[in-house]
Amino acid sequence: MKLKKKTAMLMSFTLGTLLFATTALADIANKSGYEQLKDSLKLTAEKASGEFDSFTLDISFVVKDNGEIVMSQNQLEKYDRKNGASENTFSNEDISGRSYSGYNYFDKNTMIGFSNGDNTYHVTEFTDERKFNSFDNPFKQEEAEDVEKIADALVGSLKDYVMVNENPDGSRELSGSLSEVQIPPLVNAVSSFALKQEFNRPYEQRGLNLSKDIYVKEVKGTASVNKDGVLENVLGTAVLSGTDAQGKAHEISIEILGKMTDINSTVVTKPDLTGKNVVKEVAKSAEYGPEFSNPQKFVGKFKNDIVIEKDGKLVKAGERIVDITSIDSQSVSGRYHEEYAQGFEQMASKDKEFNFEGTFEQKSSRNARLTINTDSSKTYNGDMFFDEYAGKIYFNVNYLLSRRGYDSNYSPAFE
């Protein structure tokens, strides 16, 4: 389960400073400690994505407010590159207090998902063997160079605050800490902005609407690098202080622990679903998605309400109707029209009804590209998506989407 965008931003600019600066390697071979750390990170990512047969990642993330846990994420990921399989188990508590957990399994022919909110194992079986990517190297991504430049600018002289203990076997234990007087103004400014964005109005019920006097109080961390230069574990902690709108002081600690273990000895086991509640579907490949089973079930009428504001109230002015007259695995056709209630007929546009034809895309068997020909000799483009699980369709046409209040979600019109 990935972190929210704002949370990731907060971590990047506060703990990112910690992980890049206070766990830096000692100067070796005329390279700075910071450069040595980047070399270790890149080497670890490169080996994980292309050399290790298997490995396990154990990652935890905890946010505390005045000592009380307000958000946490725990994830155990196992990768078996040799046999093309992976699995991950996760548990999370978000900042609104909701808890959830789950499990996912992947191999070249199967995908299995399970969560505590749904006592069902969802299984996708692929008829075409798919390419297995066990671990994506972040340093190979297009934006990696720009991110590295930002990290270089933020770290500055912080890379000098580090203690290194070299072990007889060639491995290293690294540790470092920064106090509030050592934190650069730029890091404090970025951290203040990130905290204001993260602990905003959606979280007022937890008293975390921080608004002023925000600064980084302390940053510390440790790391272990094995004799081969692989980063095996990192522990980072940042303590931030701030005041909410009511004047209450908060001390927020952010802790991250990451471990890489069982290199070349991790075992990934496909779960036995005997006796379990299982829902299966078949897909051509992971790229194409699940096959469109029995598209003919969508023949018929789908509609939604035309809603407007009148005399300070929301009222129903009419209905939009999509009538699917023909559909198979390759194409779909039908008619769109609008019906208005008495007194609202003047709302009808000139092209309030038209016929449409669509062809299903090669890479998405439930999404069709539409061509619309109207009575006014105008031609429009659009698309239609069929939601087999909810039994709904999504009807998007360029000129309709430009109209205020248009709803592209249509439900079956049961008589």
Protein backbone atom coordinates (compact mmCIF):
# COMPACT_ATOMS: atom_id res chain seq x y z
CA MET A 1 0.00 0.00 0.00
CA LYS A 2 1.57 3.24 -1.06
CA LEU A 3 1.72 6.34 1.07
CA LYS A 4 -0.54 9.26 0.25
CA LYS A 5 0.99 11.90 -1.96
CA LYS A 6 1.13 14.51 0.82
CA THR A 7 2.59 12.04 3.30
CA ALA A 8 5.24 11.03 0.80
CA MET A 9 6.10 14.67 0.30
CA LEU A 10 6.46 15.21 4.05
CA MET A 11 8.74 12.20 4.36
CA SER A 12 10.82 13.21 1.34
CA PHE A 13 11.81 16.60 2.70
CA THR A 14 12.18 15.84 6.42
CA LEU A 15 13.27 12.24 6.79
CA GLY A 16 14.83 12.43 3.35
CA THR A 17 17.35 14.81 4.84
CA LEU A 18 17.97 12.29 7.61
CA LEU A 19 18.38 9.30 5.37
CA PHE A 20 20.71 11.07 2.98
CA ALA A 21 22.69 13.03 5.54
CA THR A 22 22.91 11.42 8.95
CA THR A 23 23.57 7.90 7.69
CA ALA A 24 26.29 8.87 5.25
CA LEU A 25 29.27 6.58 4.75
CA ALA A 26 32.78 7.58 5.74
CA ASP A 27 35.03 9.13 3.12
CA ILE A 28 36.57 6.29 1.14
CA ALA A 29 38.63 6.43 -2.05
CA ASN A 30 38.47 10.25 -2.09
CA LYS A 31 34.67 10.26 -2.31
CA SER A 32 32.50 12.24 0.09
CA GLY A 33 30.34 10.36 2.56
CA TYR A 34 27.24 11.60 0.79
CA GLU A 35 28.44 10.25 -2.54
CA GLN A 36 29.33 6.95 -0.89
CA LEU A 37 25.80 6.70 0.53
CA LYS A 38 24.25 7.34 -2.87
CA ASP A 39 26.51 4.66 -4.34
CA SER A 40 25.28 2.22 -1.69
CA LEU A 41 21.64 3.06 -2.33
CA LYS A 42 22.07 2.69 -6.09
CA LEU A 43 23.97 -0.58 -5.71
CA THR A 44 21.25 -2.01 -3.46
CA ALA A 45 18.48 -1.01 -5.89
CA GLU A 46 20.43 -2.39 -8.85
CA LYS A 47 21.02 -5.75 -7.18
CA ALA A 48 17.39 -6.00 -6.02
CA SER A 49 16.07 -5.35 -9.52
CA GLY A 50 18.50 -7.46 -11.51
CA GLU A 51 20.83 -9.69 -9.51
CA PHE A 52 19.34 -11.07 -6.29
CA ASP A 53 17.35 -14.28 -6.83
CA SER A 54 15.10 -13.38 -3.89
CA PHE A 55 14.87 -11.05 -0.90
CA THR A 56 12.47 -9.73 1.76
CA LEU A 57 11.65 -6.09 2.54
CA ASP A 58 10.14 -5.15 5.90
CA ILE A 59 9.01 -1.53 6.04
CA SER A 60 7.20 0.32 8.83
CA PHE A 61 6.15 3.95 9.16
CA VAL A 62 4.70 5.53 12.33
CA VAL A 63 3.51 9.05 13.12
CA LYS A 64 2.96 10.02 16.78
CA ASP A 65 1.39 13.16 18.22
CA ASN A 66 2.59 13.89 21.76
CA GLY A 67 3.48 10.20 22.11
CA GLU A 68 0.18 8.82 20.77
CA ILE A 69 0.17 6.89 17.49
CA VAL A 70 -2.03 8.70 14.96
CA MET A 71 -0.97 6.96 11.77
CA SER A 72 0.98 3.81 10.93
CA GLN A 73 1.83 1.59 7.99
CA ASN A 74 3.47 -1.82 8.06
CA GLN A 75 4.38 -3.84 4.99
CA LEU A 76 6.20 -7.13 4.50
CA GLU A 77 7.16 -7.77 0.88
CA LYS A 78 8.72 -10.97 -0.46
CA TYR A 79 10.25 -11.19 -3.92
CA ASP A 80 11.33 -14.33 -5.79
CA ARG A 81 12.84 -13.22 -9.11
CA LYS A 82 14.04 -16.72 -9.96
CA ASN A 83 10.53 -18.22 -9.95
CA GLY A 84 8.70 -15.02 -10.93
CA ALA A 85 6.54 -14.55 -7.81
CA SER A 86 5.98 -12.02 -5.04
CA GLU A 87 3.66 -11.43 -2.10
CA ASN A 88 3.03 -8.66 0.36
CA THR A 89 1.17 -8.41 3.64
CA PHE A 90 0.16 -4.99 4.95
CA SER A 91 -1.65 -3.34 7.84
CA ASN A 92 -2.42 0.36 8.15
CA GLU A 93 -4.11 2.90 10.35
CA ASP A 94 -4.79 6.18 8.60
CA ILE A 95 -4.88 9.55 10.27
CA SER A 96 -8.67 9.51 10.61
CA GLY A 97 -8.41 6.40 12.80
CA ARG A 98 -9.51 3.78 10.27
CA SER A 99 -7.63 0.47 10.28
CA TYR A 100 -7.29 -1.96 7.39
CA SER A 101 -5.05 -4.82 6.38
CA GLY A 102 -4.65 -7.19 3.48
CA TYR A 103 -2.57 -9.56 1.40
CA ASN A 104 -1.55 -9.73 -2.26
CA TYR A 105 0.13 -12.48 -4.27
CA PHE A 106 1.50 -12.24 -7.83
CA ASP A 107 3.11 -14.65 -10.28
CA LYS A 108 3.29 -14.91 -14.06
CA ASN A 109 -0.20 -16.44 -14.36
CA THR A 110 -2.07 -15.42 -11.21
CA MET A 111 -2.97 -12.42 -9.07
CA ILE A 112 -4.64 -12.86 -5.66
CA GLY A 113 -5.92 -10.12 -3.37
CA PHE A 114 -7.54 -10.17 0.07
CA SER A 115 -8.47 -7.45 2.58
CA ASN A 116 -9.96 -7.49 6.06
CA GLY A 117 -12.95 -5.46 4.87
CA ASP A 118 -14.00 -8.15 2.41
CA ASN A 119 -13.86 -11.82 3.44
CA THR A 120 -13.22 -12.83 -0.17
CA TYR A 121 -10.11 -13.78 -2.11
CA HIS A 122 -10.20 -12.08 -5.52
CA VAL A 123 -8.29 -14.19 -8.02
CA THR A 124 -7.32 -13.16 -11.56
CA GLU A 125 -5.96 -15.86 -13.83
CA PHE A 126 -4.06 -14.72 -16.94
CA THR A 127 -4.41 -16.77 -20.12
CA ASP A 128 -1.18 -15.24 -21.47
CA GLU A 129 1.88 -15.43 -19.26
CA ARG A 130 2.74 -11.91 -18.18
CA LYS A 131 6.13 -10.31 -17.68
CA PHE A 132 7.17 -10.42 -14.04
CA ASN A 133 8.79 -7.27 -12.63
CA SER A 134 9.80 -8.08 -9.07
CA PHE A 135 11.28 -4.73 -8.11
CA ASP A 136 11.44 -1.44 -10.00
CA ASN A 137 14.75 0.37 -9.62
CA PRO A 138 13.81 3.97 -8.62
CA PHE A 139 17.15 5.25 -9.94
CA LYS A 140 16.15 4.12 -13.43
CA GLN A 141 13.01 6.26 -13.49
CA GLU A 142 12.90 9.36 -15.65
CA GLU A 143 12.62 11.82 -12.75
CA ALA A 144 15.43 10.22 -10.66
CA GLU A 145 18.09 12.70 -11.79
CA ASP A 146 15.98 15.71 -10.84
CA VAL A 147 15.11 14.22 -7.43
CA GLU A 148 18.80 13.59 -6.80
CA LYS A 149 19.61 17.23 -7.56
CA ILE A 150 16.95 18.39 -5.08
CA ALA A 151 18.38 16.08 -2.41
CA ASP A 152 21.89 17.41 -3.11
CA ALA A 153 20.69 20.99 -2.63
CA LEU A 154 18.82 20.25 0.58
CA VAL A 155 21.53 18.20 2.26
CA GLY A 156 24.36 20.68 1.88
CA SER A 157 26.80 20.46 4.81
CA LEU A 158 24.53 18.14 6.83
CA LYS A 159 26.44 15.19 5.37
CA ASP A 160 29.25 15.91 7.84
CA TYR A 161 27.19 14.95 10.93
CA VAL A 162 27.88 11.23 11.02
CA MET A 163 29.68 8.56 13.04
CA VAL A 164 30.99 5.42 11.36
CA ASN A 165 31.97 2.14 12.99
CA GLU A 166 33.75 -0.22 10.63
CA ASN A 167 33.51 -3.91 11.58
CA PRO A 168 36.26 -6.52 11.04
CA ASP A 169 34.24 -8.25 8.29
CA GLY A 170 34.06 -5.07 6.21
CA SER A 171 30.50 -4.09 7.12
CA ARG A 172 29.70 -0.68 8.64
CA GLU A 173 27.38 0.63 11.35
CA LEU A 174 26.40 4.25 10.79
CA SER A 175 24.72 6.74 13.08
CA GLY A 176 24.09 10.46 13.25
CA SER A 177 21.86 13.17 14.71
CA LEU A 178 20.93 16.79 14.16
CA SER A 179 19.53 19.22 16.70
CA GLU A 180 17.17 22.10 15.92
CA VAL A 181 20.03 24.62 15.83
CA GLN A 182 21.71 22.57 13.10
CA ILE A 183 18.65 22.32 10.83
CA PRO A 184 18.96 24.73 7.86
CA PRO A 185 16.18 27.32 7.36
CA LEU A 186 15.32 25.79 3.98
CA VAL A 187 14.55 22.39 5.52
CA ASN A 188 12.40 24.04 8.21
CA ALA A 189 10.52 26.08 5.61
CA VAL A 190 9.76 23.03 3.46
CA SER A 191 8.80 20.96 6.53
CA SER A 192 6.45 23.69 7.76
CA PHE A 193 4.70 23.83 4.39
CA ALA A 194 4.38 20.04 4.20
CA LEU A 195 2.98 19.74 7.72
CA LYS A 196 0.38 22.44 7.11
CA GLN A 197 -0.73 20.58 4.00
CA GLU A 198 -0.75 17.14 5.64
CA PHE A 199 -2.41 17.97 8.98
CA ASN A 200 -5.14 20.14 7.55
CA ARG A 201 -8.91 20.40 7.91
CA PRO A 202 -9.65 16.75 7.03
CA TYR A 203 -7.92 15.80 10.28
CA GLU A 204 -9.32 18.40 12.66
CA GLN A 205 -11.14 15.66 14.56
CA ARG A 206 -7.72 14.41 15.70
CA GLY A 207 -6.58 17.91 16.66
CA LEU A 208 -3.86 17.99 14.00
CA ASN A 209 -4.69 21.18 12.15
CA LEU A 210 -1.20 22.60 12.69
CA SER A 211 -0.97 26.20 11.62
CA LYS A 212 2.04 28.03 13.12
CA ASP A 213 5.41 27.81 14.91
CA ILE A 214 6.31 24.69 12.94
CA TYR A 215 9.94 23.60 12.91
CA VAL A 216 12.13 20.48 12.89
CA LYS A 217 13.29 19.83 16.43
CA GLU A 218 15.49 16.77 15.96
CA VAL A 219 16.59 14.32 13.29
CA LYS A 220 18.54 11.12 13.93
CA GLY A 221 19.14 7.77 12.36
CA THR A 222 21.20 4.63 12.02
CA ALA A 223 22.01 2.34 9.12
CA SER A 224 23.87 -0.90 8.41
CA VAL A 225 25.78 -1.62 5.22
CA ASN A 226 27.11 -5.13 4.65
CA LYS A 227 30.58 -5.98 3.35
CA ASP A 228 29.27 -6.01 -0.24
CA GLY A 229 28.01 -2.42 0.05
CA VAL A 230 24.32 -3.38 0.30
CA LEU A 231 22.17 -1.25 2.63
CA GLU A 232 20.50 -3.83 4.88
CA ASN A 233 18.57 -1.66 7.34
CA VAL A 234 17.79 1.99 7.99
CA LEU A 235 16.10 3.52 11.02
CA GLY A 236 15.18 7.19 10.89
CA THR A 237 13.36 9.47 13.32
CA ALA A 238 12.36 13.11 12.97
CA VAL A 239 10.69 15.17 15.69
CA LEU A 240 8.73 18.24 14.63
CA SER A 241 7.05 20.86 16.76
CA GLY A 242 4.02 22.98 15.97
CA THR A 243 0.90 24.69 17.28
CA ASP A 244 -2.68 24.15 16.16
CA ALA A 245 -5.34 26.82 15.59
CA GLN A 246 -6.46 26.57 19.23
CA GLY A 247 -2.96 27.26 20.51
CA LYS A 248 -2.24 23.68 21.65
CA ALA A 249 1.38 22.58 21.24
CA HIS A 250 2.14 19.36 19.37
CA GLU A 251 5.33 17.33 19.18
CA ILE A 252 5.07 15.06 16.18
CA SER A 253 7.52 12.23 15.70
CA ILE A 254 7.92 10.41 12.40
CA GLU A 255 9.69 7.06 12.44
CA ILE A 256 10.71 4.89 9.50
CA LEU A 257 12.30 1.45 9.68
CA GLY A 258 13.36 -0.45 6.58
CA LYS A 259 15.06 -3.86 6.45
CA MET A 260 16.29 -6.08 3.63
CA THR A 261 16.70 -9.70 4.77
CA ASP A 262 16.89 -13.28 3.49
CA ILE A 263 18.80 -12.29 0.36
CA ASN A 264 18.76 -15.25 -2.07
CA SER A 265 16.88 -17.38 0.51
CA THR A 266 13.38 -15.85 0.55
CA VAL A 267 10.58 -18.30 -0.29
CA VAL A 268 7.29 -17.09 -1.81
CA THR A 269 4.42 -19.55 -1.41
CA LYS A 270 1.16 -19.40 -3.36
CA PRO A 271 -1.72 -19.42 -0.84
CA ASP A 272 -3.95 -22.49 -0.57
CA LEU A 273 -7.52 -21.25 -1.10
CA THR A 274 -9.22 -24.56 -0.37
CA GLY A 275 -12.38 -23.85 1.62
CA LYS A 276 -12.02 -20.08 1.18
CA ASN A 277 -14.55 -17.69 -0.32
CA VAL A 278 -13.11 -17.08 -3.79
CA VAL A 279 -14.17 -14.92 -6.74
CA LYS A 280 -12.34 -15.69 -9.99
CA GLU A 281 -11.98 -13.85 -13.25
CA VAL A 282 -9.94 -14.49 -16.39
CA ALA A 283 -7.76 -11.92 -18.14
CA LYS A 284 -5.71 -12.03 -21.35
CA SER A 285 -2.81 -10.31 -19.62
CA ALA A 286 -2.14 -7.82 -16.84
CA GLU A 287 -1.97 -5.09 -19.48
CA TYR A 288 -5.35 -5.88 -21.04
CA GLY A 289 -7.25 -6.50 -17.80
CA PRO A 290 -10.14 -8.91 -17.17
CA GLU A 291 -12.01 -10.17 -20.20
CA PHE A 292 -15.48 -8.80 -20.91
CA SER A 293 -17.76 -11.69 -19.94
CA ASN A 294 -21.20 -11.81 -21.60
CA PRO A 295 -21.34 -8.23 -22.94
CA GLN A 296 -24.90 -8.90 -24.19
CA LYS A 297 -26.17 -8.44 -20.64
CA PHE A 298 -25.72 -4.68 -21.19
CA VAL A 299 -28.33 -4.54 -23.98
CA GLY A 300 -31.10 -2.25 -22.78
CA LYS A 301 -31.65 1.18 -21.26
CA PHE A 302 -29.45 3.03 -18.78
CA LYS A 303 -30.31 6.42 -17.36
CA ASN A 304 -29.52 9.15 -14.84
CA ASP A 305 -31.32 12.26 -13.63
CA ILE A 306 -30.92 15.79 -15.00
CA VAL A 307 -30.68 17.86 -11.81
CA ILE A 308 -30.81 21.66 -11.62
CA GLU A 309 -31.23 24.30 -8.95
CA LYS A 310 -34.59 26.11 -8.86
CA ASP A 311 -35.90 28.45 -6.18
CA GLY A 312 -33.01 27.52 -3.92
CA LYS A 313 -33.64 23.78 -4.18
CA LEU A 314 -32.35 20.89 -6.25
CA VAL A 315 -35.04 19.54 -8.56
CA LYS A 316 -35.24 16.84 -11.24
CA ALA A 317 -35.69 18.42 -14.65
CA GLY A 318 -35.62 15.20 -16.64
CA GLU A 319 -33.58 12.12 -17.53
CA ARG A 320 -30.66 11.22 -19.76
CA ILE A 321 -31.11 7.83 -21.42
CA VAL A 322 -28.54 5.60 -23.15
CA ASP A 323 -30.22 2.76 -25.03
CA ILE A 324 -27.73 0.05 -26.03
CA THR A 325 -29.20 -1.84 -28.96
CA SER A 326 -26.24 -4.02 -29.97
CA ILE A 327 -23.02 -5.14 -28.31
CA ASP A 328 -20.42 -7.90 -28.65
CA SER A 329 -16.73 -8.28 -27.83
CA GLN A 330 -15.71 -5.95 -30.68
CA SER A 331 -18.31 -3.20 -31.02
CA VAL A 332 -21.29 -1.45 -29.46
CA SER A 333 -24.08 0.74 -30.86
CA GLY A 334 -27.14 2.51 -29.56
CA ARG A 335 -29.02 5.75 -29.06
CA TYR A 336 -28.79 8.65 -26.63
CA HIS A 337 -31.67 10.99 -25.84
CA GLU A 338 -32.98 13.32 -23.16
CA GLU A 339 -36.50 13.46 -21.74
CA TYR A 340 -37.63 16.59 -19.87
CA ALA A 341 -40.38 17.02 -17.31
CA GLN A 342 -43.21 19.46 -17.97
CA GLY A 343 -41.99 23.04 -17.65
CA PHE A 344 -38.36 22.21 -18.39
CA GLU A 345 -38.62 21.53 -22.13
CA GLN A 346 -36.76 24.76 -22.97
CA MET A 347 -33.59 23.27 -21.49
CA ALA A 348 -33.26 20.78 -24.33
CA SER A 349 -30.29 21.40 -26.62
CA LYS A 350 -30.45 21.04 -30.40
CA ASP A 351 -28.50 17.79 -30.27
CA LYS A 352 -30.46 16.25 -27.42
CA GLU A 353 -30.61 12.90 -29.19
CA PHE A 354 -28.26 10.99 -31.46
CA ASN A 355 -27.06 7.54 -32.46
CA PHE A 356 -23.60 6.28 -31.58
CA GLU A 357 -21.24 3.52 -32.62
CA GLY A 358 -18.15 2.34 -30.79
CA THR A 359 -15.22 -0.04 -31.13
CA PHE A 360 -13.58 -1.68 -28.13
CA GLU A 361 -9.95 -0.79 -27.60
CA GLN A 362 -7.37 -3.51 -27.99
CA LYS A 363 -5.83 -2.80 -24.59
CA SER A 364 -9.07 -2.51 -22.65
CA SER A 365 -11.82 -4.90 -23.62
CA ARG A 366 -14.44 -2.99 -21.61
CA ASN A 367 -13.69 0.48 -22.94
CA ALA A 368 -15.06 1.56 -26.33
CA ARG A 369 -14.18 4.58 -28.44
CA LEU A 370 -17.32 6.26 -29.76
CA THR A 371 -18.26 8.14 -32.91
CA ILE A 372 -21.47 10.20 -32.73
CA ASN A 373 -23.39 11.56 -35.71
CA THR A 374 -26.13 14.09 -34.91
CA ASP A 375 -29.09 15.41 -36.87
CA SER A 376 -27.29 18.74 -37.23
CA SER A 377 -24.58 16.92 -39.23
CA LYS A 378 -22.04 17.41 -36.47
CA THR A 379 -19.69 14.59 -35.52
CA TYR A 380 -18.48 14.14 -31.96
CA ASN A 381 -16.11 11.72 -30.27
CA GLY A 382 -16.43 10.03 -26.92
CA ASP A 383 -15.89 6.84 -24.96
CA MET A 384 -17.93 4.34 -22.99
CA PHE A 385 -16.79 2.10 -20.14
CA PHE A 386 -18.72 -0.94 -18.90
CA ASP A 387 -18.45 -1.68 -15.18
CA GLU A 388 -19.26 -5.37 -14.81
CA TYR A 389 -19.04 -5.33 -11.04
CA ALA A 390 -21.45 -2.45 -10.42
CA GLY A 391 -23.58 -3.14 -13.52
CA LYS A 392 -23.20 0.47 -14.69
CA ILE A 393 -21.88 2.29 -17.74
CA TYR A 394 -19.89 5.51 -18.05
CA PHE A 395 -20.88 7.51 -21.13
CA ASN A 396 -18.53 10.35 -21.98
CA VAL A 397 -19.12 12.52 -25.04
CA ASN A 398 -17.07 15.65 -25.62
CA TYR A 399 -19.87 18.15 -26.03
CA LEU A 400 -21.96 16.63 -23.24
CA LEU A 401 -19.04 16.87 -20.80
CA SER A 402 -18.80 20.58 -21.51
CA ARG A 403 -22.36 21.10 -20.26
CA ARG A 404 -22.72 22.13 -16.62
CA GLY A 405 -23.98 19.37 -14.37
CA TYR A 406 -23.50 16.52 -16.84
CA ASP A 407 -23.27 13.13 -15.12
CA SER A 408 -21.47 10.38 -17.06
CA ASN A 409 -22.53 7.61 -14.65
CA TYR A 410 -25.58 5.64 -15.88
CA SER A 411 -27.48 2.88 -14.05
CA PRO A 412 -29.82 0.24 -15.52
CA ALA A 413 -33.37 1.48 -16.09
CA PHE A 414 -35.36 -1.35 -14.52
CA GLU A 415 -39.01 -1.27 -15.47
